[in-house]
Amino acid sequence: MVVGVMPGRLYEAQERRLSPSDVLVLYTDGVTEAFNASREMFGVERLIEAVRTHSALSAQG
């Protein structure tokens, strides 16, 4: 699912059913392009690893 990527582009509407055990991750490039104190970019790979590591946790914490 892509939200608001490019003005004027046409996108096809689709529906997806999620199971209770599914994980939906919504993020912006501000997450993957963030830098730490050592000037290392967070990146997509770290985001994927963080989701894998924490996906079993409750959304309520």
C-alpha atoms as a PDB file:
ATOM      1  CA  MET A   1       0.000   0.000   0.000  1.00  0.00           C
ATOM      2  CA  VAL A   2       1.398   3.361  -1.012  1.00  0.00           C
ATOM      3  CA  VAL A   3      -0.098   6.516   0.466  1.00  0.00           C
ATOM      4  CA  GLY A   4       0.485   9.961  -1.016  1.00  0.00           C
ATOM      5  CA  VAL A   5       3.632   9.167  -2.951  1.00  0.00           C
ATOM      6  CA  MET A   6       3.235  11.356  -6.029  1.00  0.00           C
ATOM      7  CA  PRO A   7       0.570  13.951  -6.798  1.00  0.00           C
ATOM      8  CA  GLY A   8      -1.390  13.300  -9.964  1.00  0.00           C
ATOM      9  CA  ARG A   9      -0.646   9.567 -10.051  1.00  0.00           C
ATOM     10  CA  LEU A  10      -3.493   7.082 -10.226  1.00  0.00           C
ATOM     11  CA  TYR A  11      -3.557   4.128  -7.852  1.00  0.00           C
ATOM     12  CA  GLU A  12      -5.836   1.123  -7.852  1.00  0.00           C
ATOM     13  CA  ALA A  13      -7.915   0.633  -4.712  1.00  0.00           C
ATOM     14  CA  GLN A  14      -7.499  -2.770  -3.099  1.00  0.00           C
ATOM     15  CA  GLU A  15      -8.742  -4.454   0.049  1.00  0.00           C
ATOM     16  CA  ARG A  16      -6.727  -6.724   2.299  1.00  0.00           C
ATOM     17  CA  ARG A  17      -7.964  -8.739   5.248  1.00  0.00           C
ATOM     18  CA  LEU A  18      -5.700  -8.957   8.238  1.00  0.00           C
ATOM     19  CA  SER A  19      -5.665 -11.784  10.723  1.00  0.00           C
ATOM     20  CA  PRO A  20      -5.230 -11.080  14.438  1.00  0.00           C
ATOM     21  CA  SER A  21      -1.636 -12.335  14.217  1.00  0.00           C
ATOM     22  CA  ASP A  22      -0.740 -10.127  11.212  1.00  0.00           C
ATOM     23  CA  VAL A  23       1.477  -7.086  11.654  1.00  0.00           C
ATOM     24  CA  LEU A  24       0.811  -3.891   9.704  1.00  0.00           C
ATOM     25  CA  VAL A  25       3.720  -1.448   9.617  1.00  0.00           C
ATOM     26  CA  LEU A  26       3.167   2.110   8.395  1.00  0.00           C
ATOM     27  CA  TYR A  27       6.181   4.391   8.238  1.00  0.00           C
ATOM     28  CA  THR A  28       7.569   7.390   6.387  1.00  0.00           C
ATOM     29  CA  ASP A  29      11.005   7.934   4.941  1.00  0.00           C
ATOM     30  CA  GLY A  30      11.676  10.029   8.043  1.00  0.00           C
ATOM     31  CA  VAL A  31      12.150   6.735   9.905  1.00  0.00           C
ATOM     32  CA  THR A  32      14.505   5.039   7.469  1.00  0.00           C
ATOM     33  CA  GLU A  33      16.426   8.244   6.699  1.00  0.00           C
ATOM     34  CA  ALA A  34      16.980   9.210  10.354  1.00  0.00           C
ATOM     35  CA  PHE A  35      20.579   9.398  11.609  1.00  0.00           C
ATOM     36  CA  ASN A  36      21.962   8.448  15.009  1.00  0.00           C
ATOM     37  CA  ALA A  37      24.678  10.336  16.923  1.00  0.00           C
ATOM     38  CA  SER A  38      27.343   8.486  14.891  1.00  0.00           C
ATOM     39  CA  ARG A  39      25.754   9.772  11.660  1.00  0.00           C
ATOM     40  CA  GLU A  40      24.615   6.267  10.655  1.00  0.00           C
ATOM     41  CA  MET A  41      21.346   6.145   8.725  1.00  0.00           C
ATOM     42  CA  PHE A  42      18.690   3.928  10.309  1.00  0.00           C
ATOM     43  CA  GLY A  43      17.794   2.379   6.942  1.00  0.00           C
ATOM     44  CA  VAL A  44      15.253  -0.148   5.731  1.00  0.00           C
ATOM     45  CA  GLU A  45      17.266  -3.141   6.953  1.00  0.00           C
ATOM     46  CA  ARG A  46      17.230  -1.880  10.556  1.00  0.00           C
ATOM     47  CA  LEU A  47      13.520  -1.144  10.312  1.00  0.00           C
ATOM     48  CA  ILE A  48      12.846  -4.694   9.117  1.00  0.00           C
ATOM     49  CA  GLU A  49      14.989  -6.119  11.914  1.00  0.00           C
ATOM     50  CA  ALA A  50      13.218  -3.962  14.519  1.00  0.00           C
ATOM     51  CA  VAL A  51       9.821  -5.143  13.276  1.00  0.00           C
ATOM     52  CA  ARG A  52      10.941  -8.784  13.335  1.00  0.00           C
ATOM     53  CA  THR A  53      12.358  -8.399  16.834  1.00  0.00           C
ATOM     54  CA  HIS A  54       9.289  -6.699  18.300  1.00  0.00           C
ATOM     55  CA  SER A  55       6.391  -8.002  16.190  1.00  0.00           C
ATOM     56  CA  ALA A  56       5.186 -10.398  18.894  1.00  0.00           C
ATOM     57  CA  LEU A  57       4.691  -7.553  21.388  1.00  0.00           C
ATOM     58  CA  SER A  58       1.292  -6.013  22.037  1.00  0.00           C
ATOM     59  CA  ALA A  59       0.509  -2.638  20.462  1.00  0.00           C
ATOM     60  CA  GLN A  60      -0.498  -1.491  23.965  1.00  0.00           C
ATOM     61  CA  GLY A  61       2.994  -2.228  25.266  1.00  0.00           C
END
